[in-house]
Amino acid sequence: MKMPSLSWINLEWRWQRFFYVLIVAEVPFTVSALALFGIADPDLYRTQLWQEGANHGWNSDPIEILYSYANYAPINTPTPWNQWITTYNVIIAVLSMFVMLVKTVMYITDTFPPLLSVIIHGTLAALYAVSIDNQAASDYSDPLHPSKYPWYLTRSCGAPVNPSLKGYCQQAQGAFATTVCLCALFTLHMVIALICCRRTRAQKIELASEKSDFESPESTFDDKKWDMEMNQYPRTPGTTGGMKTPMTPRTLAFNTLDGALPSRRPNKDLPLRHHIAMGNETYKGR
């Protein structure tokens, strides 16, 4: 099975300034999201805002959850007032902060290609889109007081809202706005990276030219010519017909002494050389 070619993917950024601009714009929103979601966790003002909406008839009453459990008929907590959405927002805020630091270092060191940017920012955009959907979810648990959106997203934080909850109301609004901005930024990151992944016409022509030069008959002829020229030089002694141990006079002498090869001389005693300290008897073998 032939593997699909990935030659159409560009591994270089086309507009480097856009990346730095988006990173600079991403920093304050990421820090704000981490601070707002961290402050709201686990339940700083969520239940209070829920109760405030119930006091004005804008949504269900949290007391109904307690009544349903007391009557052994539990109902699910509405999504915008559920604890898990607050925890989810904290997790994605920490994740986006980590990704922002890592990808900045990788981009500076030229190890962050556009294809990787598409995958990472596409994932982050999807996570924040889920957060937006959950923060703006409806509350139909009370048929008498249905709520299509949380009241703090459709109303102001002024009167008739309790003045003591004005700050919490503004924090909830700010957290939702920050989520929307981060989702838009990550989507823009992904779109720019997708555009950079596609090779331009000039890059395609250059790639085709390099490929044709590599596969041209001239390059094959040059390789054969190089092999023919190398064959003209004498081979290393002892390597003809395959790699062997070169045989030199020194090697032959050592092998003879070790008994590995037979001696070329007849098997007879070698006469001792005459030394000045030896007498004639020693020299004659007496």
Protein backbone atom coordinates (compact mmCIF):
# COMPACT_ATOMS: atom_id res chain seq x y z
CA MET A 1 0.00 0.00 0.00
CA LYS A 2 1.46 3.32 -1.07
CA MET A 3 1.69 5.91 1.69
CA PRO A 4 0.17 9.33 0.93
CA SER A 5 2.68 12.03 0.08
CA LEU A 6 3.07 14.94 2.49
CA SER A 7 5.07 17.10 0.13
CA TRP A 8 2.24 19.67 0.02
CA ILE A 9 2.73 20.50 3.72
CA ASN A 10 4.92 23.50 4.42
CA LEU A 11 7.06 23.32 7.56
CA GLU A 12 7.95 27.01 7.70
CA TRP A 13 5.93 29.98 8.89
CA ARG A 14 5.00 32.42 6.18
CA TRP A 15 4.07 35.37 8.38
CA GLN A 16 6.18 35.32 11.53
CA ARG A 17 4.95 38.68 12.80
CA PHE A 18 1.39 37.41 13.08
CA PHE A 19 2.51 34.73 15.51
CA TYR A 20 4.15 37.24 17.84
CA VAL A 21 1.14 39.56 17.62
CA LEU A 22 -1.23 36.74 18.56
CA ILE A 23 1.03 35.64 21.42
CA VAL A 24 1.12 39.19 22.81
CA ALA A 25 -2.68 39.35 22.55
CA GLU A 26 -3.05 35.92 24.13
CA VAL A 27 -1.01 36.65 27.26
CA PRO A 28 -3.47 39.01 29.06
CA PHE A 29 -6.51 36.88 28.23
CA THR A 30 -4.82 33.68 29.42
CA VAL A 31 -3.72 35.29 32.67
CA SER A 32 -7.19 36.76 33.16
CA ALA A 33 -8.87 33.41 32.55
CA LEU A 34 -6.56 31.67 34.98
CA ALA A 35 -7.23 34.32 37.65
CA LEU A 36 -11.02 34.53 37.14
CA PHE A 37 -11.62 30.79 36.98
CA GLY A 38 -9.24 30.16 39.87
CA ILE A 39 -11.05 32.69 42.06
CA ALA A 40 -14.46 31.23 41.19
CA ASP A 41 -13.40 27.70 42.11
CA PRO A 42 -14.87 25.84 43.89
CA ASP A 43 -18.01 27.90 44.64
CA LEU A 44 -17.27 31.52 45.44
CA TYR A 45 -20.35 33.07 43.82
CA ARG A 46 -21.99 30.45 41.57
CA THR A 47 -24.69 29.39 44.06
CA GLN A 48 -25.23 33.00 45.18
CA LEU A 49 -25.92 34.11 41.62
CA TRP A 50 -28.20 31.14 41.17
CA GLN A 51 -30.15 32.10 44.29
CA GLU A 52 -30.27 35.74 43.23
CA GLY A 53 -31.87 34.75 39.93
CA ALA A 54 -34.39 32.58 41.77
CA ASN A 55 -35.31 35.50 44.06
CA HIS A 56 -36.32 37.51 40.99
CA GLY A 57 -37.94 34.59 39.17
CA TRP A 58 -35.29 34.49 36.43
CA ASN A 59 -34.30 30.83 36.86
CA SER A 60 -34.85 27.79 39.06
CA ASP A 61 -34.32 27.77 42.81
CA PRO A 62 -31.36 25.84 44.28
CA ILE A 63 -33.59 24.81 47.20
CA GLU A 64 -35.54 22.60 44.80
CA ILE A 65 -32.46 20.41 44.47
CA LEU A 66 -32.53 19.82 48.23
CA TYR A 67 -36.27 19.09 48.19
CA SER A 68 -35.85 16.59 45.37
CA TYR A 69 -33.13 14.73 47.29
CA ALA A 70 -35.26 14.75 50.43
CA ASN A 71 -38.15 13.20 48.47
CA TYR A 72 -35.85 10.59 46.90
CA ALA A 73 -36.38 12.11 43.48
CA PRO A 74 -33.04 13.75 42.71
CA ILE A 75 -32.72 15.95 39.67
CA ASN A 76 -29.60 17.06 37.90
CA THR A 77 -28.16 20.46 38.69
CA PRO A 78 -28.61 22.81 35.71
CA THR A 79 -25.45 23.10 33.64
CA PRO A 80 -24.62 26.80 34.23
CA TRP A 81 -24.84 26.25 38.02
CA ASN A 82 -23.00 22.92 38.10
CA GLN A 83 -19.70 22.46 39.90
CA TRP A 84 -18.08 20.50 37.09
CA ILE A 85 -18.16 23.46 34.67
CA THR A 86 -16.20 25.56 37.15
CA THR A 87 -13.59 22.82 37.52
CA TYR A 88 -13.49 22.35 33.76
CA ASN A 89 -12.75 26.05 33.23
CA VAL A 90 -9.87 25.93 35.70
CA ILE A 91 -8.35 22.94 33.92
CA ILE A 92 -8.44 24.47 30.44
CA ALA A 93 -7.07 27.77 31.79
CA VAL A 94 -4.06 25.99 33.30
CA LEU A 95 -3.62 23.97 30.10
CA SER A 96 -3.70 27.07 27.89
CA MET A 97 -1.13 28.80 30.08
CA PHE A 98 1.19 25.80 29.83
CA VAL A 99 0.74 25.57 26.06
CA MET A 100 1.40 29.28 25.63
CA LEU A 101 4.76 29.06 27.42
CA VAL A 102 5.87 25.89 25.64
CA LYS A 103 4.87 26.95 22.15
CA THR A 104 6.62 30.32 22.53
CA VAL A 105 9.90 28.57 23.37
CA MET A 106 9.41 26.07 20.55
CA TYR A 107 8.68 28.83 18.05
CA ILE A 108 11.80 30.75 19.02
CA THR A 109 13.89 27.59 18.57
CA ASP A 110 12.24 26.79 15.19
CA THR A 111 10.65 23.56 16.44
CA PHE A 112 6.99 24.60 16.17
CA PRO A 113 5.81 23.90 12.59
CA PRO A 114 2.43 25.14 11.34
CA LEU A 115 0.96 21.62 11.27
CA LEU A 116 1.58 21.21 15.00
CA SER A 117 0.04 24.64 15.56
CA VAL A 118 -3.12 23.53 13.74
CA ILE A 119 -3.50 20.50 16.00
CA ILE A 120 -2.82 22.33 19.27
CA HIS A 121 -4.86 25.47 18.61
CA GLY A 122 -7.69 23.48 17.08
CA THR A 123 -7.89 21.43 20.27
CA LEU A 124 -7.81 24.51 22.49
CA ALA A 125 -10.46 26.26 20.40
CA ALA A 126 -12.72 23.21 20.74
CA LEU A 127 -12.20 23.10 24.52
CA TYR A 128 -13.10 26.76 24.92
CA ALA A 129 -16.10 26.34 22.62
CA VAL A 130 -17.39 23.64 24.98
CA SER A 131 -16.85 26.03 27.89
CA ILE A 132 -18.83 28.77 26.13
CA ASP A 133 -21.68 26.37 25.46
CA ASN A 134 -21.79 25.25 29.09
CA GLN A 135 -21.51 28.73 30.58
CA ALA A 136 -24.38 29.95 28.39
CA ALA A 137 -26.49 26.79 28.82
CA SER A 138 -30.19 26.92 29.59
CA ASP A 139 -31.95 26.15 32.88
CA TYR A 140 -35.27 24.41 32.32
CA SER A 141 -35.33 22.42 35.55
CA ASP A 142 -38.21 24.59 36.83
CA PRO A 143 -41.07 24.73 34.30
CA LEU A 144 -42.49 27.81 36.04
CA HIS A 145 -39.24 29.76 35.74
CA PRO A 146 -37.43 28.67 32.56
CA SER A 147 -34.17 30.37 31.67
CA LYS A 148 -32.64 30.17 28.21
CA TYR A 149 -29.41 31.83 29.37
CA PRO A 150 -27.99 32.67 32.81
CA TRP A 151 -29.44 35.96 33.94
CA TYR A 152 -26.07 37.72 34.34
CA LEU A 153 -25.46 37.28 30.57
CA THR A 154 -28.72 38.93 29.55
CA ARG A 155 -29.09 41.54 32.29
CA SER A 156 -26.95 44.20 33.88
CA CYS A 157 -25.37 43.84 37.29
CA GLY A 158 -27.20 46.97 38.59
CA ALA A 159 -30.60 47.26 40.18
CA PRO A 160 -32.60 45.21 41.01
CA VAL A 161 -29.63 42.93 41.67
CA ASN A 162 -28.36 42.86 45.23
CA PRO A 163 -25.50 45.41 45.46
CA SER A 164 -23.39 42.93 47.41
CA LEU A 165 -23.38 40.61 44.38
CA LYS A 166 -22.49 43.26 41.81
CA GLY A 167 -18.79 42.38 41.90
CA TYR A 168 -19.48 38.65 41.55
CA CYS A 169 -21.85 39.35 38.67
CA GLN A 170 -19.17 41.34 36.85
CA GLN A 171 -16.62 38.59 37.46
CA ALA A 172 -18.95 36.03 35.90
CA GLN A 173 -19.48 38.31 32.90
CA GLY A 174 -15.75 38.90 32.58
CA ALA A 175 -15.01 35.17 32.72
CA PHE A 176 -17.49 34.51 29.94
CA ALA A 177 -16.07 37.34 27.78
CA THR A 178 -12.52 36.07 28.34
CA THR A 179 -13.57 32.60 27.26
CA VAL A 180 -15.06 33.97 24.04
CA CYS A 181 -11.91 35.99 23.28
CA LEU A 182 -9.60 33.02 23.85
CA CYS A 183 -11.74 30.80 21.65
CA ALA A 184 -11.55 33.44 18.89
CA LEU A 185 -7.77 33.81 19.29
CA PHE A 186 -7.14 30.08 19.12
CA THR A 187 -9.39 29.81 16.07
CA LEU A 188 -7.41 32.60 14.39
CA HIS A 189 -4.17 30.82 15.32
CA MET A 190 -5.47 27.66 13.67
CA VAL A 191 -6.61 29.44 10.49
CA ILE A 192 -3.25 31.20 10.02
CA ALA A 193 -1.39 27.95 10.63
CA LEU A 194 -3.59 26.19 8.05
CA ILE A 195 -2.75 28.85 5.49
CA CYS A 196 0.95 28.49 6.26
CA CYS A 197 0.74 24.71 5.87
CA ARG A 198 -0.17 25.14 2.22
CA ARG A 199 2.82 25.65 -0.02
CA THR A 200 2.85 28.68 -2.28
CA ARG A 201 3.25 28.40 -6.04
CA ALA A 202 6.90 29.47 -5.82
CA GLN A 203 7.60 26.82 -3.15
CA LYS A 204 5.95 24.12 -5.27
CA ILE A 205 8.08 25.07 -8.28
CA GLU A 206 11.25 25.03 -6.18
CA LEU A 207 10.34 21.64 -4.68
CA ALA A 208 9.61 20.19 -8.12
CA SER A 209 12.92 21.54 -9.43
CA GLU A 210 14.88 19.97 -6.56
CA LYS A 211 13.10 16.66 -7.04
CA SER A 212 13.78 16.63 -10.78
CA ASP A 213 17.44 17.44 -10.23
CA PHE A 214 17.76 14.60 -7.76
CA GLU A 215 16.09 12.06 -10.05
CA SER A 216 17.63 13.28 -13.33
CA PRO A 217 19.76 10.86 -15.50
CA GLU A 218 22.71 13.22 -15.17
CA SER A 219 22.91 12.63 -11.43
CA THR A 220 22.76 8.86 -12.02
CA PHE A 221 25.50 9.16 -14.66
CA ASP A 222 27.65 11.15 -12.24
CA ASP A 223 27.29 8.41 -9.62
CA LYS A 224 28.33 5.73 -12.11
CA LYS A 225 31.23 7.85 -13.30
CA TRP A 226 32.37 8.26 -9.70
CA ASP A 227 32.27 4.49 -9.15
CA MET A 228 34.28 3.89 -12.34
CA GLU A 229 36.90 6.41 -11.31
CA MET A 230 37.21 4.86 -7.86
CA ASN A 231 37.66 1.39 -9.37
CA GLN A 232 40.72 2.62 -11.27
CA TYR A 233 42.69 3.07 -8.06
CA PRO A 234 44.49 -0.01 -6.62
CA ARG A 235 42.75 -1.70 -3.78
CA THR A 236 44.19 -2.04 -0.31
CA PRO A 237 46.41 -5.14 -0.09
CA GLY A 238 44.50 -8.12 1.18
CA THR A 239 41.03 -6.70 0.40
CA THR A 240 40.57 -8.12 -3.09
CA GLY A 241 37.49 -10.32 -3.24
CA GLY A 242 36.15 -8.98 0.05
CA MET A 243 37.42 -7.48 3.26
CA LYS A 244 40.31 -9.53 4.63
CA THR A 245 43.14 -8.99 7.00
CA PRO A 246 46.01 -7.41 5.01
CA MET A 247 49.05 -9.68 4.76
CA THR A 248 52.29 -7.83 5.33
CA PRO A 249 55.78 -9.19 6.08
CA ARG A 250 55.35 -8.21 9.70
CA THR A 251 52.05 -10.09 9.94
CA LEU A 252 53.57 -13.15 8.28
CA ALA A 253 56.45 -13.15 10.76
CA PHE A 254 54.16 -13.01 13.79
CA ASN A 255 51.92 -15.77 12.41
CA THR A 256 54.99 -17.94 11.82
CA LEU A 257 56.16 -17.48 15.39
CA ASP A 258 52.67 -18.33 16.73
CA GLY A 259 52.49 -21.47 14.61
CA ALA A 260 49.51 -20.18 12.63
CA LEU A 261 51.31 -20.53 9.30
CA PRO A 262 53.99 -23.00 8.29
CA SER A 263 57.49 -21.67 8.04
CA ARG A 264 58.86 -21.22 4.55
CA ARG A 265 62.35 -22.40 5.64
CA PRO A 266 63.27 -26.07 6.06
CA ASN A 267 62.88 -27.45 9.54
CA LYS A 268 66.43 -27.31 10.76
CA ASP A 269 68.18 -25.74 13.70
CA LEU A 270 69.17 -22.16 13.18
CA PRO A 271 72.83 -21.47 13.98
CA LEU A 272 73.50 -19.05 16.74
CA ARG A 273 75.12 -15.84 15.78
CA HIS A 274 78.64 -15.33 16.98
CA HIS A 275 78.82 -12.92 19.86
CA ILE A 276 81.99 -11.30 20.95
CA ALA A 277 81.50 -12.66 24.47
CA MET A 278 81.08 -16.23 23.22
CA GLY A 279 83.95 -18.54 22.65
CA ASN A 280 84.55 -20.68 19.64
CA GLU A 281 82.95 -23.67 21.37
CA THR A 282 79.71 -21.86 21.89
CA TYR A 283 79.64 -20.74 18.28
CA LYS A 284 80.28 -24.35 17.06
CA GLY A 285 77.45 -25.63 19.20
CA ARG A 286 79.61 -27.52 21.68
